[in-house]
C-alpha atoms as a PDB file:
ATOM      1  CA  MET A   1      20.714  27.544 -27.123  1.00  0.00           C
ATOM      2  CA  ALA A   2      21.877  26.028 -23.664  1.00  0.00           C
ATOM      3  CA  ASP A   3      18.233  26.480 -22.297  1.00  0.00           C
ATOM      4  CA  GLU A   4      17.284  24.050 -25.302  1.00  0.00           C
ATOM      5  CA  ASP A   5      20.146  21.558 -24.558  1.00  0.00           C
ATOM      6  CA  ASN A   6      18.744  21.847 -20.873  1.00  0.00           C
ATOM      7  CA  ALA A   7      15.014  20.988 -21.506  1.00  0.00           C
ATOM      8  CA  THR A   8      16.133  18.322 -23.922  1.00  0.00           C
ATOM      9  CA  GLN A   9      18.145  16.578 -20.966  1.00  0.00           C
ATOM     10  CA  ASP A  10      15.168  17.111 -18.645  1.00  0.00           C
ATOM     11  CA  THR A  11      12.845  15.733 -20.873  1.00  0.00           C
ATOM     12  CA  ALA A  12      14.855  12.592 -21.302  1.00  0.00           C
ATOM     13  CA  THR A  13      15.365  12.069 -17.527  1.00  0.00           C
ATOM     14  CA  GLU A  14      11.503  12.592 -17.105  1.00  0.00           C
ATOM     15  CA  GLN A  15      11.007   9.905 -19.404  1.00  0.00           C
ATOM     16  CA  ASP A  16      13.382   7.154 -17.633  1.00  0.00           C
ATOM     17  CA  ALA A  17      12.085   8.191 -14.161  1.00  0.00           C
ATOM     18  CA  PRO A  18       9.449  11.016 -13.587  1.00  0.00           C
ATOM     19  CA  SER A  19      10.706  13.326 -10.637  1.00  0.00           C
ATOM     20  CA  VAL A  20       8.590  14.565  -8.012  1.00  0.00           C
ATOM     21  CA  GLU A  21       8.135  18.018  -9.458  1.00  0.00           C
ATOM     22  CA  THR A  22       7.120  16.215 -12.708  1.00  0.00           C
ATOM     23  CA  GLN A  23       4.594  14.228 -10.851  1.00  0.00           C
ATOM     24  CA  ALA A  24       3.394  17.340  -8.841  1.00  0.00           C
ATOM     25  CA  ALA A  25       3.174  19.380 -12.181  1.00  0.00           C
ATOM     26  CA  GLU A  26       1.479  16.608 -13.982  1.00  0.00           C
ATOM     27  CA  GLN A  27      -1.015  16.356 -10.907  1.00  0.00           C
ATOM     28  CA  THR A  28      -1.388  20.223 -10.555  1.00  0.00           C
ATOM     29  CA  GLY A  29      -1.248  21.308 -13.805  1.00  0.00           C
ATOM     30  CA  GLN A  30       1.537  23.925 -12.739  1.00  0.00           C
ATOM     31  CA  GLN A  31       5.180  24.001 -14.014  1.00  0.00           C
ATOM     32  CA  GLN A  32       6.794  24.269 -10.458  1.00  0.00           C
ATOM     33  CA  VAL A  33       5.588  23.059  -7.082  1.00  0.00           C
ATOM     34  CA  ARG A  34       7.508  23.158  -3.927  1.00  0.00           C
ATOM     35  CA  LEU A  35       6.866  20.161  -1.823  1.00  0.00           C
ATOM     36  CA  ARG A  36       7.194  20.565   2.174  1.00  0.00           C
ATOM     37  CA  ILE A  37       6.585  17.645   4.726  1.00  0.00           C
ATOM     38  CA  ASP A  38       5.478  18.058   8.112  1.00  0.00           C
ATOM     39  CA  GLN A  39       6.271  15.153  10.016  1.00  0.00           C
ATOM     40  CA  ALA A  40       5.294  16.722  13.577  1.00  0.00           C
ATOM     41  CA  LYS A  41       2.085  14.907  14.135  1.00  0.00           C
ATOM     42  CA  MET A  42       3.152  11.525  12.275  1.00  0.00           C
ATOM     43  CA  THR A  43       2.460   8.402  14.076  1.00  0.00           C
ATOM     44  CA  THR A  44       3.776   4.820  12.850  1.00  0.00           C
ATOM     45  CA  SER A  45       1.611   2.028  13.211  1.00  0.00           C
ATOM     46  CA  TYR A  46       2.243  -1.828  12.110  1.00  0.00           C
ATOM     47  CA  ALA A  47      -0.740  -3.532  10.324  1.00  0.00           C
ATOM     48  CA  ASN A  48      -0.843  -7.338   8.825  1.00  0.00           C
ATOM     49  CA  ALA A  49      -4.298  -7.158   7.833  1.00  0.00           C
ATOM     50  CA  PHE A  50      -6.664  -4.586   6.009  1.00  0.00           C
ATOM     51  CA  ARG A  51     -10.261  -4.100   5.070  1.00  0.00           C
ATOM     52  CA  THR A  52     -11.696  -2.018   2.272  1.00  0.00           C
ATOM     53  CA  SER A  53     -14.873  -0.669   1.509  1.00  0.00           C
ATOM     54  CA  ALA A  54     -16.075   2.178  -0.922  1.00  0.00           C
ATOM     55  CA  THR A  55     -18.531   4.634  -1.667  1.00  0.00           C
ATOM     56  CA  ALA A  56     -19.224   6.750  -4.737  1.00  0.00           C
ATOM     57  CA  GLU A  57     -16.600   9.379  -3.954  1.00  0.00           C
ATOM     58  CA  GLU A  58     -14.251   7.744  -1.393  1.00  0.00           C
ATOM     59  CA  ILE A  59     -12.333   4.376  -0.696  1.00  0.00           C
ATOM     60  CA  MET A  60     -11.748   3.381   2.896  1.00  0.00           C
ATOM     61  CA  VAL A  61      -9.137   1.232   3.992  1.00  0.00           C
ATOM     62  CA  ASP A  62      -8.728   0.076   7.600  1.00  0.00           C
ATOM     63  CA  PHE A  63      -5.403  -1.286   8.785  1.00  0.00           C
ATOM     64  CA  GLY A  64      -4.775  -3.340  11.629  1.00  0.00           C
ATOM     65  CA  LEU A  65      -3.981  -6.842  13.259  1.00  0.00           C
ATOM     66  CA  ASN A  66      -5.095 -10.172  12.813  1.00  0.00           C
ATOM     67  CA  GLN A  67      -5.040 -11.914  16.278  1.00  0.00           C
ATOM     68  CA  VAL A  68      -5.151 -15.403  16.611  1.00  0.00           C
ATOM     69  CA  THR A  69      -6.806 -16.778  19.741  1.00  0.00           C
ATOM     70  CA  GLN A  70      -7.227 -20.582  20.694  1.00  0.00           C
ATOM     71  CA  THR A  71     -10.602 -21.409  22.283  1.00  0.00           C
ATOM     72  CA  ARG A  72     -11.854 -24.774  23.503  1.00  0.00           C
ATOM     73  CA  THR A  73     -15.167 -26.686  21.780  1.00  0.00           C
ATOM     74  CA  GLY A  74     -15.839 -28.193  25.358  1.00  0.00           C
ATOM     75  CA  ASP A  75     -17.224 -31.279  25.988  1.00  0.00           C
ATOM     76  CA  GLN A  76     -20.332 -30.564  23.682  1.00  0.00           C
ATOM     77  CA  GLY A  77     -18.210 -29.487  20.641  1.00  0.00           C
ATOM     78  CA  ASN A  78     -18.425 -31.249  17.388  1.00  0.00           C
ATOM     79  CA  PRO A  79     -15.291 -32.590  15.552  1.00  0.00           C
ATOM     80  CA  GLY A  80     -15.865 -30.115  13.062  1.00  0.00           C
ATOM     81  CA  ASP A  81     -16.264 -27.022  15.310  1.00  0.00           C
ATOM     82  CA  PRO A  82     -13.493 -24.355  15.202  1.00  0.00           C
ATOM     83  CA  VAL A  83     -10.592 -24.397  17.661  1.00  0.00           C
ATOM     84  CA  GLY A  84      -9.275 -20.738  17.420  1.00  0.00           C
ATOM     85  CA  GLU A  85     -10.658 -17.601  16.250  1.00  0.00           C
ATOM     86  CA  ILE A  86      -9.325 -14.439  14.372  1.00  0.00           C
ATOM     87  CA  LEU A  87      -9.711 -11.137  15.815  1.00  0.00           C
ATOM     88  CA  PHE A  88      -9.063  -8.246  13.526  1.00  0.00           C
ATOM     89  CA  GLN A  89      -8.192  -5.125  15.558  1.00  0.00           C
ATOM     90  CA  VAL A  90      -8.764  -1.974  13.537  1.00  0.00           C
ATOM     91  CA  ASN A  91      -5.957   0.445  14.504  1.00  0.00           C
ATOM     92  CA  ASP A  92      -6.276   3.023  11.622  1.00  0.00           C
ATOM     93  CA  ARG A  93      -8.680   4.142   8.810  1.00  0.00           C
ATOM     94  CA  ILE A  94      -7.564   5.848   5.969  1.00  0.00           C
ATOM     95  CA  VAL A  95      -9.940   7.463   3.453  1.00  0.00           C
ATOM     96  CA  LEU A  96      -8.887   8.422  -0.144  1.00  0.00           C
ATOM     97  CA  ASN A  97     -10.418   9.774  -3.005  1.00  0.00           C
ATOM     98  CA  TYR A  98     -10.133   7.539  -6.356  1.00  0.00           C
ATOM     99  CA  TYR A  99      -7.291   9.541  -7.524  1.00  0.00           C
ATOM    100  CA  THR A 100      -5.162   9.325  -4.899  1.00  0.00           C
ATOM    101  CA  ALA A 101      -6.095   5.290  -4.321  1.00  0.00           C
ATOM    102  CA  LYS A 102      -4.985   4.875  -7.827  1.00  0.00           C
ATOM    103  CA  ARG A 103      -1.695   6.880  -7.573  1.00  0.00           C
ATOM    104  CA  LEU A 104      -1.246   4.738  -4.503  1.00  0.00           C
ATOM    105  CA  ALA A 105      -2.098   1.494  -6.155  1.00  0.00           C
ATOM    106  CA  ILE A 106       0.456   2.314  -9.096  1.00  0.00           C
ATOM    107  CA  THR A 107       3.405   2.997  -6.490  1.00  0.00           C
ATOM    108  CA  LEU A 108       2.707   0.086  -4.361  1.00  0.00           C
ATOM    109  CA  GLY A 109       2.958  -1.905  -7.518  1.00  0.00           C
ATOM    110  CA  GLN A 110       6.277  -0.619  -8.680  1.00  0.00           C
ATOM    111  CA  ILE A 111       7.853  -1.017  -4.808  1.00  0.00           C
ATOM    112  CA  ILE A 112       6.453  -4.863  -4.851  1.00  0.00           C
ATOM    113  CA  ARG A 113       7.749  -5.337  -8.152  1.00  0.00           C
ATOM    114  CA  ARG A 114      11.244  -3.877  -7.640  1.00  0.00           C
ATOM    115  CA  TYR A 115      11.251  -6.051  -4.477  1.00  0.00           C
ATOM    116  CA  GLU A 116      10.396  -9.080  -6.076  1.00  0.00           C
ATOM    117  CA  ASP A 117      12.929  -8.587  -8.727  1.00  0.00           C
ATOM    118  CA  GLN A 118      15.669  -8.322  -6.173  1.00  0.00           C
ATOM    119  CA  PHE A 119      14.240 -11.038  -3.803  1.00  0.00           C
ATOM    120  CA  GLY A 120      11.847 -13.531  -5.514  1.00  0.00           C
ATOM    121  CA  GLU A 121       8.175 -13.720  -5.796  1.00  0.00           C
ATOM    122  CA  LEU A 122       6.164 -12.938  -2.793  1.00  0.00           C
ATOM    123  CA  LYS A 123       4.001 -15.957  -2.302  1.00  0.00           C
ATOM    124  CA  LEU A 124       0.516 -15.274  -0.556  1.00  0.00           C
ATOM    125  CA  ASN A 125      -0.383 -18.810   0.265  1.00  0.00           C
ATOM    126  CA  VAL A 126       1.156 -19.643   3.324  1.00  0.00           C
ATOM    127  CA  ALA A 127       1.371 -23.394   2.700  1.00  0.00           C
ATOM    128  CA  GLU A 128       3.588 -22.488  -0.423  1.00  0.00           C
ATOM    129  CA  ARG A 129       5.812 -20.342   1.832  1.00  0.00           C
ATOM    130  CA  ALA A 130       6.318 -23.222   4.381  1.00  0.00           C
ATOM    131  CA  GLY A 131       6.849 -25.635   1.370  1.00  0.00           C
ATOM    132  CA  LYS A 132       3.907 -27.790   2.040  1.00  0.00           C
ATOM    133  CA  SER A 133       2.031 -27.305  -1.219  1.00  0.00           C
END
């Protein structure tokens, strides 16, 4: 009887917020999975830009930095010529299968939704963020 009560409590908790164990069981089809994390070779990178590409089996995401450089058009430059250049310096490439990519997309969506609920909408348009819309 006590086991049934615990099972009912576990089920209610899992419906509210699935635990790591529940997610692992769903992904592996097993009842119990022990997760160990090895951070010995971990590195940390910062990215303010990304680029994606895909094949039938995988998604590649390149992370890096957009670097704005100033250039001069010179005496022969036309008024419409660009006066700057953006260099995308790729630092890291992550290759994901579609299942992992979907789990990542769902997780990032949840994290961003929580952030916006707490701090307000993230505006992607720079002019809107600067109040120049």
